[in-house]
Amino acid sequence: MTLKAMLAATAMMAALAGCEQIGSFNKEPPAAAAVSQPQFFENAYAARSDGKFSVPAIPEDQIPVAYRRQIVDYQTAEAPGTIIIDPAHAVLYLVQPEGKAIRYGISVGRDGFGWSGTSVVARKATWPTWTPPPEMIERQPSLEKWRKGQPGGPTNPLGSRALYLYINGKDYGFRIHGTPEWRTIGKRASSGCFRMIQQDVMDLYERVPNGTKVVVLTPSGEVPTKLTLPPPSPAPKRSAPKPAASVTPAAVETTTLDASKTPETADSLVEDTAKALDDAPAADTAAPEDDTAAPTAPATESTAPAPAADAAPATPETPTPAPVYTTPVR
């Protein structure tokens, strides 16, 4: 298997906020200048026991010389104790007295995710919890299980230590942190965080206190004069909501009752009505007594009585209340 294939197979997850899981690497940054007489640290990458976790040894001969922890000559106007990060060469310097610095190999932001400016170490954590931001979970639903945080441990993307970088008191999500995928060191593999070999970040953690100044150089290797941040990640595309399905009203069939064409139906209605009338209590249809009312003959269904020609007009009788019928339940 080629080295390129191995790197692709061991692509790691990134740290908090802007850092995310990756599947490929950008072009490697150029290696830092070789040191004529580098001062390496003995057993720098030996196995370590750290609390309830163990950090496995790293085969030092497989780490490129430029990215091994070493003391180098380094001239800068920054005070000793300052961290200077050179993304162009994927190295981090911890400034020392007398023109020296401890240099560590790091993994830096992919193209389009780099940044430059001045920040401070606001806080530090050992075996920190990693909490992917909601935007990352939306892009990678498999991270939903860590919405409330992935506990620290050997497989945690933040590694054994994390230094949280704040800019003007604000947390932009940038970190210096360890990684279990040490083969990504020297690569453009993150989304703005700086990753270190586990043993290296543990060494740096012990050397710098909270409040340490951190200078991230520009892509051309110059001291930044302003803060330059990567553009915000585009929001994941959402599919347009499907229009609500139109509901067609159910057809209602109506039939006009015609007694001449449906004698059985008409007869049944007559029978039901007659039965209801028989069952209903008799209504009092007698007209109230009225001394002034003249007797009138009952009207038949077909004709009304005609008054005599010489008779006086009859006093209108009081209307008789109509009986109330109850419609039978069918």
Protein backbone atom coordinates (compact mmCIF):
# COMPACT_ATOMS: atom_id res chain seq x y z
CA MET A 1 0.00 0.00 0.00
CA THR A 2 1.42 3.40 -0.91
CA LEU A 3 1.93 6.14 1.62
CA LYS A 4 -0.77 8.21 -0.09
CA ALA A 5 -3.25 5.35 0.26
CA MET A 6 -2.32 4.89 3.92
CA LEU A 7 -2.90 8.56 4.58
CA ALA A 8 -6.29 8.46 2.93
CA ALA A 9 -7.22 5.34 4.91
CA THR A 10 -6.29 6.95 8.22
CA ALA A 11 -7.96 10.32 7.64
CA MET A 12 -8.97 11.61 11.04
CA MET A 13 -11.83 13.49 12.53
CA ALA A 14 -11.20 17.13 13.43
CA ALA A 15 -11.66 19.16 16.56
CA LEU A 16 -14.32 21.47 17.86
CA ALA A 17 -16.31 23.97 15.74
CA GLY A 18 -14.59 24.63 12.40
CA CYS A 19 -12.62 21.35 12.41
CA GLU A 20 -14.44 18.42 10.85
CA GLN A 21 -13.94 14.93 9.57
CA ILE A 22 -12.05 14.76 6.30
CA GLY A 23 -11.53 12.22 3.57
CA SER A 24 -8.60 13.70 1.66
CA PHE A 25 -5.71 16.12 2.05
CA ASN A 26 -4.64 19.22 0.19
CA LYS A 27 -1.15 19.67 -1.14
CA GLU A 28 1.42 19.39 1.63
CA PRO A 29 3.04 22.60 2.91
CA PRO A 30 6.74 22.92 2.11
CA ALA A 31 8.94 21.49 4.83
CA ALA A 32 10.62 23.85 7.25
CA ALA A 33 14.26 24.63 6.66
CA ALA A 34 16.60 21.86 7.74
CA VAL A 35 18.71 22.49 10.82
CA SER A 36 22.41 21.78 10.44
CA GLN A 37 22.72 20.39 13.96
CA PRO A 38 19.19 19.73 15.26
CA GLN A 39 18.82 19.11 18.96
CA PHE A 40 16.23 16.37 19.30
CA PHE A 41 14.62 15.24 22.53
CA GLU A 42 15.49 11.76 23.73
CA ASN A 43 12.57 9.31 23.86
CA ALA A 44 10.24 12.09 22.80
CA TYR A 45 7.76 9.64 21.29
CA ALA A 46 7.93 6.74 23.70
CA ALA A 47 4.74 5.19 25.11
CA ARG A 48 3.28 7.06 28.07
CA SER A 49 0.81 6.27 30.78
CA ASP A 50 -1.44 9.24 31.40
CA GLY A 51 -4.02 8.77 34.11
CA LYS A 52 -6.50 6.08 33.11
CA PHE A 53 -5.33 6.19 29.47
CA SER A 54 -2.18 5.12 27.70
CA VAL A 55 -0.53 6.87 24.77
CA PRO A 56 1.13 4.41 22.38
CA ALA A 57 4.66 4.91 21.14
CA ILE A 58 5.23 6.53 17.77
CA PRO A 59 7.96 5.05 15.51
CA GLU A 60 10.26 8.06 15.41
CA ASP A 61 11.95 6.97 12.20
CA GLN A 62 8.59 7.27 10.44
CA ILE A 63 8.18 10.92 11.44
CA PRO A 64 9.81 13.25 8.90
CA VAL A 65 12.82 14.95 10.47
CA ALA A 66 11.35 18.42 9.89
CA TYR A 67 8.33 17.54 12.07
CA ARG A 68 10.10 15.93 15.02
CA ARG A 69 10.29 17.92 18.23
CA GLN A 70 13.64 19.78 18.28
CA ILE A 71 15.41 22.96 19.40
CA VAL A 72 16.25 25.34 16.56
CA ASP A 73 17.64 28.81 16.05
CA TYR A 74 14.78 31.28 15.70
CA GLN A 75 14.96 35.03 15.61
CA THR A 76 11.82 36.94 16.52
CA ALA A 77 10.74 40.11 18.26
CA GLU A 78 8.24 38.14 20.31
CA ALA A 79 9.03 37.44 23.96
CA PRO A 80 10.10 33.99 25.18
CA GLY A 81 7.08 31.85 25.95
CA THR A 82 5.14 33.07 22.89
CA ILE A 83 3.72 30.48 20.51
CA ILE A 84 4.26 31.26 16.83
CA ILE A 85 2.51 29.09 14.26
CA ASP A 86 3.79 28.96 10.70
CA PRO A 87 1.01 27.37 8.61
CA ALA A 88 3.04 27.73 5.42
CA HIS A 89 5.52 25.15 6.71
CA ALA A 90 3.25 23.22 9.14
CA VAL A 91 5.34 23.94 12.23
CA LEU A 92 4.76 25.54 15.63
CA TYR A 93 7.46 27.41 17.54
CA LEU A 94 7.62 27.95 21.28
CA VAL A 95 9.97 30.92 21.62
CA GLN A 96 12.90 30.39 24.00
CA PRO A 97 15.55 32.79 25.31
CA GLU A 98 18.74 33.58 23.38
CA GLY A 99 17.30 33.27 19.88
CA LYS A 100 16.11 29.71 20.25
CA ALA A 101 12.75 27.96 19.93
CA ILE A 102 11.29 24.51 20.37
CA ARG A 103 9.80 23.47 17.05
CA TYR A 104 6.96 20.95 16.67
CA GLY A 105 5.37 19.53 13.55
CA ILE A 106 1.65 20.23 13.18
CA SER A 107 -1.26 19.67 10.84
CA VAL A 108 -2.82 22.88 9.52
CA GLY A 109 -6.00 24.07 7.84
CA ARG A 110 -6.94 22.93 4.35
CA ASP A 111 -7.03 25.46 1.55
CA GLY A 112 -9.82 27.90 2.31
CA PHE A 113 -9.79 27.13 6.04
CA GLY A 114 -6.58 28.83 7.10
CA TRP A 115 -6.50 31.97 9.22
CA SER A 116 -3.96 34.41 10.62
CA GLY A 117 -3.90 36.80 13.54
CA THR A 118 -3.13 37.02 17.25
CA SER A 119 -4.92 35.04 19.95
CA VAL A 120 -4.33 33.80 23.48
CA VAL A 121 -4.61 30.45 25.23
CA ALA A 122 -7.82 31.05 27.15
CA ARG A 123 -7.92 27.64 28.82
CA LYS A 124 -6.41 24.16 28.68
CA ALA A 125 -7.84 20.69 29.13
CA THR A 126 -6.52 17.16 29.54
CA TRP A 127 -8.32 14.43 27.58
CA PRO A 128 -10.98 16.97 26.65
CA THR A 129 -14.55 16.24 25.64
CA TRP A 130 -15.27 16.84 21.97
CA THR A 131 -18.64 18.35 21.08
CA PRO A 132 -19.36 18.68 17.36
CA PRO A 133 -21.31 21.84 16.52
CA PRO A 134 -24.85 21.52 15.12
CA GLU A 135 -23.66 22.53 11.64
CA MET A 136 -21.22 19.62 11.56
CA ILE A 137 -23.86 17.17 12.78
CA GLU A 138 -26.13 18.36 10.01
CA ARG A 139 -23.40 17.70 7.45
CA GLN A 140 -22.45 14.39 9.06
CA PRO A 141 -25.53 12.75 10.65
CA SER A 142 -23.36 9.93 12.02
CA LEU A 143 -22.11 12.41 14.65
CA GLU A 144 -25.58 12.75 16.15
CA LYS A 145 -24.56 10.36 18.95
CA TRP A 146 -22.00 12.93 20.14
CA ARG A 147 -24.39 15.91 20.18
CA LYS A 148 -23.90 16.18 23.95
CA GLY A 149 -20.18 15.48 23.72
CA GLN A 150 -17.78 12.60 23.13
CA PRO A 151 -15.87 11.77 26.33
CA GLY A 152 -12.13 12.14 26.25
CA GLY A 153 -10.05 9.11 25.36
CA PRO A 154 -7.55 7.63 22.90
CA THR A 155 -10.01 7.83 19.97
CA ASN A 156 -11.33 11.32 20.74
CA PRO A 157 -10.51 13.77 17.90
CA LEU A 158 -9.13 16.33 20.39
CA GLY A 159 -6.54 13.87 21.59
CA SER A 160 -4.78 13.93 24.94
CA ARG A 161 -4.62 17.73 25.38
CA ALA A 162 -6.29 20.84 24.01
CA LEU A 163 -5.36 24.52 24.18
CA TYR A 164 -8.37 26.74 23.44
CA LEU A 165 -7.54 29.86 21.45
CA TYR A 166 -9.63 33.00 21.92
CA ILE A 167 -9.39 36.09 19.73
CA ASN A 168 -10.24 39.41 21.41
CA GLY A 169 -12.08 37.46 24.08
CA LYS A 170 -14.16 35.52 21.55
CA ASP A 171 -14.08 31.79 20.87
CA TYR A 172 -13.97 31.12 17.13
CA GLY A 173 -13.52 27.40 17.65
CA PHE A 174 -9.77 27.27 16.97
CA ARG A 175 -7.67 24.85 19.01
CA ILE A 176 -4.18 23.45 19.38
CA HIS A 177 -4.83 19.84 20.21
CA GLY A 178 -3.53 16.30 19.96
CA THR A 179 -4.59 13.69 17.45
CA PRO A 180 -4.56 9.90 17.43
CA GLU A 181 -3.80 10.08 13.69
CA TRP A 182 -0.18 11.14 13.85
CA ARG A 183 0.41 10.41 10.16
CA THR A 184 -1.54 13.56 9.26
CA ILE A 185 1.16 15.76 10.80
CA GLY A 186 2.71 18.00 8.13
CA LYS A 187 -0.49 17.90 6.06
CA ARG A 188 -3.26 20.36 5.31
CA ALA A 189 -5.93 18.33 7.02
CA SER A 190 -8.03 20.49 9.32
CA SER A 191 -10.58 23.27 9.14
CA GLY A 192 -8.63 25.83 11.12
CA CYS A 193 -7.33 23.94 14.15
CA PHE A 194 -3.70 22.92 14.68
CA ARG A 195 -3.07 19.26 15.42
CA MET A 196 -0.05 17.77 17.10
CA ILE A 197 1.33 14.33 17.88
CA GLN A 198 -0.01 13.24 21.27
CA GLN A 199 3.39 13.32 22.98
CA ASP A 200 4.14 16.75 21.50
CA VAL A 201 0.92 18.40 22.63
CA MET A 202 1.45 16.93 26.11
CA ASP A 203 4.92 18.48 26.17
CA LEU A 204 3.62 21.87 24.98
CA TYR A 205 0.76 21.74 27.50
CA GLU A 206 3.24 21.52 30.38
CA ARG A 207 5.33 24.44 29.08
CA VAL A 208 2.68 27.15 28.51
CA PRO A 209 0.19 28.69 30.97
CA ASN A 210 -3.21 30.19 30.29
CA GLY A 211 -2.87 33.65 28.80
CA THR A 212 0.00 32.64 26.50
CA LYS A 213 0.14 34.76 23.35
CA VAL A 214 -0.31 32.85 20.09
CA VAL A 215 0.66 34.42 16.75
CA VAL A 216 -0.52 32.71 13.56
CA LEU A 217 1.55 33.92 10.62
CA THR A 218 0.12 34.77 7.21
CA PRO A 219 0.36 32.28 4.31
CA SER A 220 3.48 34.11 3.17
CA GLY A 221 5.09 33.67 6.60
CA GLU A 222 4.76 37.30 7.74
CA VAL A 223 3.63 38.62 11.10
CA PRO A 224 -0.07 39.45 10.74
CA THR A 225 -1.21 43.05 11.03
CA LYS A 226 -4.90 42.15 11.21
CA LEU A 227 -7.18 39.22 11.84
CA THR A 228 -7.97 37.20 8.73
CA LEU A 229 -10.58 34.46 9.12
CA PRO A 230 -11.70 31.80 6.67
CA PRO A 231 -15.05 32.35 4.98
CA PRO A 232 -18.00 30.72 6.73
CA SER A 233 -18.82 27.22 5.59
CA PRO A 234 -21.77 27.18 3.22
CA ALA A 235 -24.95 25.91 4.79
CA PRO A 236 -25.89 22.43 3.63
CA LYS A 237 -28.40 22.45 0.83
CA ARG A 238 -31.91 21.68 1.90
CA SER A 239 -34.34 20.07 -0.44
CA ALA A 240 -37.34 22.23 -1.26
CA PRO A 241 -40.40 21.19 0.72
CA LYS A 242 -42.79 19.12 -1.27
CA PRO A 243 -46.10 20.85 -1.97
CA ALA A 244 -48.96 19.50 0.05
CA ALA A 245 -50.96 16.96 -1.85
CA SER A 246 -54.24 18.43 -3.05
CA VAL A 247 -57.28 16.79 -1.56
CA THR A 248 -60.18 16.16 -3.95
CA PRO A 249 -63.52 16.40 -2.16
CA ALA A 250 -65.44 13.17 -2.21
CA ALA A 251 -68.28 13.17 -4.71
CA VAL A 252 -71.70 13.27 -3.09
CA GLU A 253 -74.53 11.82 -5.08
CA THR A 254 -77.90 13.51 -4.64
CA THR A 255 -81.28 12.17 -5.80
CA THR A 256 -84.48 14.15 -6.14
CA LEU A 257 -87.37 12.27 -4.75
CA ASP A 258 -90.18 11.89 -7.34
CA ALA A 259 -93.26 10.13 -6.03
CA SER A 260 -94.50 9.38 -9.52
CA LYS A 261 -91.27 7.58 -10.39
CA THR A 262 -90.53 6.06 -7.00
CA PRO A 263 -93.95 4.97 -5.65
CA GLU A 264 -92.49 2.61 -3.12
CA THR A 265 -90.35 5.33 -1.56
CA ALA A 266 -93.17 7.84 -1.54
CA ASP A 267 -95.58 5.35 -0.01
CA SER A 268 -93.13 4.47 2.72
CA LEU A 269 -92.68 8.15 3.61
CA VAL A 270 -96.45 8.55 3.84
CA GLU A 271 -96.74 5.50 6.07
CA ASP A 272 -93.97 6.71 8.36
CA THR A 273 -95.51 10.14 8.65
CA ALA A 274 -98.96 8.68 9.42
CA LYS A 275 -97.50 6.45 12.09
CA ALA A 276 -95.70 9.41 13.66
CA LEU A 277 -98.93 11.36 13.78
CA ASP A 278 -100.74 8.46 15.44
CA ASP A 279 -98.00 8.14 18.06
CA ALA A 280 -97.78 11.88 18.76
CA PRO A 281 -100.04 13.35 21.51
CA ALA A 282 -103.13 15.01 20.18
CA ALA A 283 -102.79 18.75 19.78
CA ASP A 284 -105.50 21.08 21.09
CA THR A 285 -106.83 22.70 17.93
CA ALA A 286 -109.93 24.32 19.45
CA ALA A 287 -110.10 28.03 18.96
CA PRO A 288 -110.34 30.16 22.09
CA GLU A 289 -113.81 31.44 23.01
CA ASP A 290 -114.57 34.79 21.51
CA ASP A 291 -117.97 36.50 22.03
CA THR A 292 -117.41 38.67 19.00
CA ALA A 293 -116.46 35.93 16.62
CA ALA A 294 -119.09 34.71 14.23
CA PRO A 295 -119.36 30.99 13.68
CA THR A 296 -117.71 29.82 10.50
CA ALA A 297 -118.13 26.64 8.59
CA PRO A 298 -115.19 24.28 8.51
CA ALA A 299 -113.15 24.47 5.36
CA THR A 300 -112.75 21.47 3.16
CA GLU A 301 -109.50 20.43 1.49
CA SER A 302 -110.71 21.66 -1.90
CA THR A 303 -112.80 24.82 -1.34
CA ALA A 304 -113.32 27.55 1.24
CA PRO A 305 -116.89 28.71 2.24
CA ALA A 306 -118.12 31.80 0.40
CA PRO A 307 -119.71 34.49 2.66
CA ALA A 308 -123.32 35.59 2.00
CA ALA A 309 -123.69 38.63 -0.18
CA ASP A 310 -125.63 40.67 2.41
CA ALA A 311 -123.85 39.40 5.44
CA ALA A 312 -121.64 41.59 7.53
CA PRO A 313 -117.94 40.89 7.30
CA ALA A 314 -116.97 38.22 9.73
CA THR A 315 -114.59 39.09 12.49
CA PRO A 316 -111.26 37.36 11.81
CA GLU A 317 -110.94 34.37 14.01
CA THR A 318 -107.90 33.86 16.16
CA PRO A 319 -105.30 31.71 14.35
CA THR A 320 -105.26 28.13 15.48
CA PRO A 321 -101.83 26.93 16.55
CA ALA A 322 -100.44 24.38 14.11
CA PRO A 323 -99.82 20.96 15.56
CA VAL A 324 -96.17 20.03 16.08
CA TYR A 325 -95.07 16.80 14.49
CA THR A 326 -91.99 14.84 15.25
CA THR A 327 -90.13 13.59 12.22
CA PRO A 328 -89.58 9.85 12.59
CA VAL A 329 -86.03 8.61 12.70
CA ARG A 330 -85.31 6.57 9.63
